[in-house]
Amino acid sequence: MEVINISKMDNRLALIYLGILVALLGFTVIGVFRQIFKNRRQERSFSKLRNKLTQEKGTIQEYYELASIYSEKKLYSQAIQLFQKGIKIAENEEEENIFLIYNGLGYAYFVQEQYDMAIRQYKEAVKLKPDYVTALNNLAHAYEKKKLMSQALEIYEEALKYDERNAIAKRRVESLRRFASV
């Protein structure tokens, strides 16, 4: 009768499991530290911008950045106020990148389910920059939420004219066409 040395196999298996566990733990620690540093950087920027803008009038870029941070923090009403201030300044200074602010404002309205307001902002962004695919996608999505499927399909198709590789628009056009044919 032959005796198999199980303890050698158990040791190898334990080492393999331990190696996998250490590797997973290492990736997790790296991910956590990256997130911590990202959050700290964002908080520093947030604090600096908020302090500056409460004490003095800021630039369009500063209002946009602070409003974007508020949006990321899901503080949409504060973001809306800052986007609106940025728009007022941008209109007075004839800023060429104002379409970004309108898109950000549209997003803040969209996530609060104020779709009509979001549509108005997205349309303004597209009016200022007709080939701005992000705003076109957002506008079409807002139309979908309002159950205006034909308008959504039309806007997604327009987005594809500017960027034929637009994965979101491709997927939604297919879906909306299937929906329309049912």
C-alpha atoms as a PDB file:
ATOM      1  CA  MET A   1       0.000   0.000   0.000  1.00  0.00           C
ATOM      2  CA  GLU A   2       1.369   3.388  -1.059  1.00  0.00           C
ATOM      3  CA  VAL A   3       1.090   6.379   1.270  1.00  0.00           C
ATOM      4  CA  ILE A   4       0.486   9.736  -0.348  1.00  0.00           C
ATOM      5  CA  ASN A   5       2.088  12.668   1.374  1.00  0.00           C
ATOM      6  CA  ILE A   6      -0.954  14.875   1.857  1.00  0.00           C
ATOM      7  CA  SER A   7       0.844  17.456   3.967  1.00  0.00           C
ATOM      8  CA  LYS A   8       3.073  18.483   0.997  1.00  0.00           C
ATOM      9  CA  MET A   9      -0.011  18.985  -1.197  1.00  0.00           C
ATOM     10  CA  ASP A  10      -1.770  20.888   1.581  1.00  0.00           C
ATOM     11  CA  ASN A  11       1.248  23.176   1.992  1.00  0.00           C
ATOM     12  CA  ARG A  12       1.382  23.958  -1.727  1.00  0.00           C
ATOM     13  CA  LEU A  13      -2.325  24.620  -1.867  1.00  0.00           C
ATOM     14  CA  ALA A  14      -2.129  26.802   1.223  1.00  0.00           C
ATOM     15  CA  LEU A  15       0.721  28.803  -0.348  1.00  0.00           C
ATOM     16  CA  ILE A  16      -1.262  29.294  -3.547  1.00  0.00           C
ATOM     17  CA  TYR A  17      -4.313  30.474  -1.603  1.00  0.00           C
ATOM     18  CA  LEU A  18      -2.136  32.732   0.524  1.00  0.00           C
ATOM     19  CA  GLY A  19      -0.512  34.226  -2.580  1.00  0.00           C
ATOM     20  CA  ILE A  20      -3.895  34.923  -4.156  1.00  0.00           C
ATOM     21  CA  LEU A  21      -5.146  36.454  -0.912  1.00  0.00           C
ATOM     22  CA  VAL A  22      -2.077  38.725  -0.601  1.00  0.00           C
ATOM     23  CA  ALA A  23      -2.429  39.827  -4.250  1.00  0.00           C
ATOM     24  CA  LEU A  24      -6.121  40.664  -3.782  1.00  0.00           C
ATOM     25  CA  LEU A  25      -5.359  42.493  -0.569  1.00  0.00           C
ATOM     26  CA  GLY A  26      -2.595  44.461  -2.320  1.00  0.00           C
ATOM     27  CA  PHE A  27      -4.928  45.528  -5.156  1.00  0.00           C
ATOM     28  CA  THR A  28      -7.576  46.524  -2.630  1.00  0.00           C
ATOM     29  CA  VAL A  29      -5.143  48.621  -0.604  1.00  0.00           C
ATOM     30  CA  ILE A  30      -3.886  50.375  -3.757  1.00  0.00           C
ATOM     31  CA  GLY A  31      -7.475  51.101  -4.820  1.00  0.00           C
ATOM     32  CA  VAL A  32      -8.397  52.471  -1.404  1.00  0.00           C
ATOM     33  CA  PHE A  33      -5.350  54.758  -1.286  1.00  0.00           C
ATOM     34  CA  ARG A  34      -6.024  56.043  -4.808  1.00  0.00           C
ATOM     35  CA  GLN A  35      -9.588  56.884  -3.785  1.00  0.00           C
ATOM     36  CA  ILE A  36      -8.407  58.601  -0.602  1.00  0.00           C
ATOM     37  CA  PHE A  37      -5.920  60.763  -2.499  1.00  0.00           C
ATOM     38  CA  LYS A  38      -8.524  61.603  -5.142  1.00  0.00           C
ATOM     39  CA  ASN A  39     -11.030  62.628  -2.456  1.00  0.00           C
ATOM     40  CA  ARG A  40      -8.457  64.712  -0.596  1.00  0.00           C
ATOM     41  CA  ARG A  41      -7.493  66.510  -3.799  1.00  0.00           C
ATOM     42  CA  GLN A  42     -11.156  67.154  -4.590  1.00  0.00           C
ATOM     43  CA  GLU A  43     -11.855  68.379  -1.047  1.00  0.00           C
ATOM     44  CA  ARG A  44      -8.907  70.792  -1.177  1.00  0.00           C
ATOM     45  CA  SER A  45     -10.132  72.155  -4.490  1.00  0.00           C
ATOM     46  CA  PHE A  46     -13.687  72.334  -3.163  1.00  0.00           C
ATOM     47  CA  SER A  47     -12.647  74.215  -0.030  1.00  0.00           C
ATOM     48  CA  LYS A  48     -10.379  76.618  -1.905  1.00  0.00           C
ATOM     49  CA  LEU A  49     -13.005  77.451  -4.544  1.00  0.00           C
ATOM     50  CA  ARG A  50     -15.862  77.748  -2.059  1.00  0.00           C
ATOM     51  CA  ASN A  51     -13.871  80.112   0.148  1.00  0.00           C
ATOM     52  CA  LYS A  52     -12.793  82.237  -2.784  1.00  0.00           C
ATOM     53  CA  LEU A  53     -16.252  82.487  -4.336  1.00  0.00           C
ATOM     54  CA  THR A  54     -17.913  83.441  -1.049  1.00  0.00           C
ATOM     55  CA  GLN A  55     -15.447  86.308  -0.616  1.00  0.00           C
ATOM     56  CA  GLU A  56     -15.137  87.614  -4.173  1.00  0.00           C
ATOM     57  CA  LYS A  57     -16.436  87.233  -7.703  1.00  0.00           C
ATOM     58  CA  GLY A  58     -14.782  84.360  -9.510  1.00  0.00           C
ATOM     59  CA  THR A  59     -14.074  83.365 -13.059  1.00  0.00           C
ATOM     60  CA  ILE A  60     -16.357  81.311 -15.266  1.00  0.00           C
ATOM     61  CA  GLN A  61     -13.989  78.371 -14.882  1.00  0.00           C
ATOM     62  CA  GLU A  62     -14.100  78.579 -11.081  1.00  0.00           C
ATOM     63  CA  TYR A  63     -17.903  78.622 -10.990  1.00  0.00           C
ATOM     64  CA  TYR A  64     -17.998  75.697 -13.399  1.00  0.00           C
ATOM     65  CA  GLU A  65     -15.459  73.681 -11.375  1.00  0.00           C
ATOM     66  CA  LEU A  66     -17.192  74.297  -8.057  1.00  0.00           C
ATOM     67  CA  ALA A  67     -20.608  73.517  -9.544  1.00  0.00           C
ATOM     68  CA  SER A  68     -19.189  70.279 -10.968  1.00  0.00           C
ATOM     69  CA  ILE A  69     -17.827  69.311  -7.554  1.00  0.00           C
ATOM     70  CA  TYR A  70     -21.227  70.009  -5.985  1.00  0.00           C
ATOM     71  CA  SER A  71     -22.785  67.788  -8.672  1.00  0.00           C
ATOM     72  CA  GLU A  72     -20.353  64.986  -7.883  1.00  0.00           C
ATOM     73  CA  LYS A  73     -21.293  65.341  -4.210  1.00  0.00           C
ATOM     74  CA  LYS A  74     -24.977  65.137  -5.255  1.00  0.00           C
ATOM     75  CA  LEU A  75     -25.667  68.668  -3.950  1.00  0.00           C
ATOM     76  CA  TYR A  76     -27.594  69.617  -7.046  1.00  0.00           C
ATOM     77  CA  SER A  77     -29.425  72.738  -5.850  1.00  0.00           C
ATOM     78  CA  GLN A  78     -26.088  74.366  -4.947  1.00  0.00           C
ATOM     79  CA  ALA A  79     -24.641  73.212  -8.273  1.00  0.00           C
ATOM     80  CA  ILE A  80     -27.562  74.777 -10.152  1.00  0.00           C
ATOM     81  CA  GLN A  81     -27.005  78.127  -8.467  1.00  0.00           C
ATOM     82  CA  LEU A  82     -23.321  78.095  -9.361  1.00  0.00           C
ATOM     83  CA  PHE A  83     -23.932  76.993 -12.954  1.00  0.00           C
ATOM     84  CA  GLN A  84     -26.435  79.835 -13.297  1.00  0.00           C
ATOM     85  CA  LYS A  85     -23.901  82.354 -11.942  1.00  0.00           C
ATOM     86  CA  GLY A  86     -21.349  81.003 -14.384  1.00  0.00           C
ATOM     87  CA  ILE A  87     -23.803  81.426 -17.251  1.00  0.00           C
ATOM     88  CA  LYS A  88     -24.524  85.043 -16.309  1.00  0.00           C
ATOM     89  CA  ILE A  89     -20.823  85.868 -16.265  1.00  0.00           C
ATOM     90  CA  ALA A  90     -20.176  83.892 -19.462  1.00  0.00           C
ATOM     91  CA  GLU A  91     -22.968  85.703 -21.315  1.00  0.00           C
ATOM     92  CA  ASN A  92     -21.555  89.089 -20.279  1.00  0.00           C
ATOM     93  CA  GLU A  93     -18.063  88.088 -21.361  1.00  0.00           C
ATOM     94  CA  GLU A  94     -19.212  86.248 -24.497  1.00  0.00           C
ATOM     95  CA  GLU A  95     -17.467  83.074 -23.382  1.00  0.00           C
ATOM     96  CA  GLU A  96     -17.131  80.486 -26.138  1.00  0.00           C
ATOM     97  CA  ASN A  97     -17.253  77.414 -23.864  1.00  0.00           C
ATOM     98  CA  ILE A  98     -20.559  78.343 -22.251  1.00  0.00           C
ATOM     99  CA  PHE A  99     -22.101  75.211 -23.805  1.00  0.00           C
ATOM    100  CA  LEU A 100     -20.280  73.155 -21.142  1.00  0.00           C
ATOM    101  CA  ILE A 101     -22.002  75.105 -18.393  1.00  0.00           C
ATOM    102  CA  TYR A 102     -25.417  74.626 -19.998  1.00  0.00           C
ATOM    103  CA  ASN A 103     -24.755  70.886 -20.238  1.00  0.00           C
ATOM    104  CA  GLY A 104     -23.719  70.744 -16.566  1.00  0.00           C
ATOM    105  CA  LEU A 105     -26.818  72.695 -15.575  1.00  0.00           C
ATOM    106  CA  GLY A 106     -28.957  70.338 -17.656  1.00  0.00           C
ATOM    107  CA  TYR A 107     -27.444  67.378 -15.853  1.00  0.00           C
ATOM    108  CA  ALA A 108     -28.179  68.908 -12.440  1.00  0.00           C
ATOM    109  CA  TYR A 109     -31.818  69.344 -13.451  1.00  0.00           C
ATOM    110  CA  PHE A 110     -31.956  65.876 -15.032  1.00  0.00           C
ATOM    111  CA  VAL A 111     -30.851  64.000 -11.915  1.00  0.00           C
ATOM    112  CA  GLN A 112     -33.531  65.847  -9.968  1.00  0.00           C
ATOM    113  CA  GLU A 113     -36.063  64.599 -12.539  1.00  0.00           C
ATOM    114  CA  GLN A 114     -36.767  68.129 -13.772  1.00  0.00           C
ATOM    115  CA  TYR A 115     -36.712  66.918 -17.351  1.00  0.00           C
ATOM    116  CA  ASP A 116     -38.265  69.991 -18.977  1.00  0.00           C
ATOM    117  CA  MET A 117     -35.613  72.225 -17.419  1.00  0.00           C
ATOM    118  CA  ALA A 118     -32.902  69.745 -18.379  1.00  0.00           C
ATOM    119  CA  ILE A 119     -34.140  69.660 -21.981  1.00  0.00           C
ATOM    120  CA  ARG A 120     -34.085  73.448 -22.130  1.00  0.00           C
ATOM    121  CA  GLN A 121     -30.446  73.538 -20.951  1.00  0.00           C
ATOM    122  CA  TYR A 122     -29.313  70.727 -23.242  1.00  0.00           C
ATOM    123  CA  LYS A 123     -30.968  72.431 -26.208  1.00  0.00           C
ATOM    124  CA  GLU A 124     -29.109  75.623 -25.374  1.00  0.00           C
ATOM    125  CA  ALA A 125     -25.814  73.714 -25.228  1.00  0.00           C
ATOM    126  CA  VAL A 126     -26.536  72.113 -28.614  1.00  0.00           C
ATOM    127  CA  LYS A 127     -27.579  75.464 -30.090  1.00  0.00           C
ATOM    128  CA  LEU A 128     -24.227  76.920 -29.078  1.00  0.00           C
ATOM    129  CA  LYS A 129     -22.242  73.877 -30.233  1.00  0.00           C
ATOM    130  CA  PRO A 130     -24.255  71.641 -32.574  1.00  0.00           C
ATOM    131  CA  ASP A 131     -21.585  68.906 -32.696  1.00  0.00           C
ATOM    132  CA  TYR A 132     -21.394  68.537 -28.899  1.00  0.00           C
ATOM    133  CA  VAL A 133     -22.221  64.837 -28.757  1.00  0.00           C
ATOM    134  CA  THR A 134     -22.421  64.634 -24.962  1.00  0.00           C
ATOM    135  CA  ALA A 135     -25.205  67.228 -24.880  1.00  0.00           C
ATOM    136  CA  LEU A 136     -26.969  65.454 -27.759  1.00  0.00           C
ATOM    137  CA  ASN A 137     -26.863  62.154 -25.866  1.00  0.00           C
ATOM    138  CA  ASN A 138     -28.094  63.885 -22.712  1.00  0.00           C
ATOM    139  CA  LEU A 139     -30.905  65.640 -24.599  1.00  0.00           C
ATOM    140  CA  ALA A 140     -32.034  62.378 -26.169  1.00  0.00           C
ATOM    141  CA  HIS A 141     -31.954  60.648 -22.777  1.00  0.00           C
ATOM    142  CA  ALA A 142     -34.105  63.402 -21.286  1.00  0.00           C
ATOM    143  CA  TYR A 143     -36.585  62.956 -24.150  1.00  0.00           C
ATOM    144  CA  GLU A 144     -36.683  59.242 -23.367  1.00  0.00           C
ATOM    145  CA  LYS A 145     -37.470  59.973 -19.730  1.00  0.00           C
ATOM    146  CA  LYS A 146     -40.368  62.169 -20.914  1.00  0.00           C
ATOM    147  CA  LYS A 147     -41.522  59.262 -23.132  1.00  0.00           C
ATOM    148  CA  LEU A 148     -40.874  61.333 -26.272  1.00  0.00           C
ATOM    149  CA  MET A 149     -39.333  58.430 -28.146  1.00  0.00           C
ATOM    150  CA  SER A 150     -39.459  59.866 -31.672  1.00  0.00           C
ATOM    151  CA  GLN A 151     -37.601  63.017 -30.561  1.00  0.00           C
ATOM    152  CA  ALA A 152     -35.080  60.886 -28.673  1.00  0.00           C
ATOM    153  CA  LEU A 153     -34.459  58.717 -31.742  1.00  0.00           C
ATOM    154  CA  GLU A 154     -34.006  61.799 -33.915  1.00  0.00           C
ATOM    155  CA  ILE A 155     -31.441  63.310 -31.517  1.00  0.00           C
ATOM    156  CA  TYR A 156     -29.510  60.044 -31.133  1.00  0.00           C
ATOM    157  CA  GLU A 157     -29.343  59.785 -34.927  1.00  0.00           C
ATOM    158  CA  GLU A 158     -28.070  63.356 -35.074  1.00  0.00           C
ATOM    159  CA  ALA A 159     -25.380  62.461 -32.529  1.00  0.00           C
ATOM    160  CA  LEU A 160     -24.310  59.578 -34.761  1.00  0.00           C
ATOM    161  CA  LYS A 161     -23.830  62.018 -37.654  1.00  0.00           C
ATOM    162  CA  TYR A 162     -21.146  63.770 -35.608  1.00  0.00           C
ATOM    163  CA  ASP A 163     -19.640  60.631 -34.060  1.00  0.00           C
ATOM    164  CA  GLU A 164     -20.498  57.382 -35.804  1.00  0.00           C
ATOM    165  CA  ARG A 165     -18.660  55.388 -33.093  1.00  0.00           C
ATOM    166  CA  ASN A 166     -20.871  56.797 -30.321  1.00  0.00           C
ATOM    167  CA  ALA A 167     -21.700  53.564 -28.470  1.00  0.00           C
ATOM    168  CA  ILE A 168     -24.507  55.092 -26.411  1.00  0.00           C
ATOM    169  CA  ALA A 169     -26.306  56.522 -29.427  1.00  0.00           C
ATOM    170  CA  LYS A 170     -25.854  53.303 -31.429  1.00  0.00           C
ATOM    171  CA  ARG A 171     -27.295  51.181 -28.649  1.00  0.00           C
ATOM    172  CA  ARG A 172     -30.214  53.538 -28.001  1.00  0.00           C
ATOM    173  CA  VAL A 173     -31.056  53.922 -31.726  1.00  0.00           C
ATOM    174  CA  GLU A 174     -31.266  50.136 -32.038  1.00  0.00           C
ATOM    175  CA  SER A 175     -33.428  49.897 -28.944  1.00  0.00           C
ATOM    176  CA  LEU A 176     -35.735  52.752 -29.956  1.00  0.00           C
ATOM    177  CA  ARG A 177     -36.171  51.346 -33.473  1.00  0.00           C
ATOM    178  CA  ARG A 178     -37.123  47.969 -31.999  1.00  0.00           C
ATOM    179  CA  PHE A 179     -39.515  49.763 -29.666  1.00  0.00           C
ATOM    180  CA  ALA A 180     -41.063  51.670 -32.581  1.00  0.00           C
ATOM    181  CA  SER A 181     -41.540  48.500 -34.640  1.00  0.00           C
ATOM    182  CA  VAL A 182     -43.432  46.698 -31.865  1.00  0.00           C
END
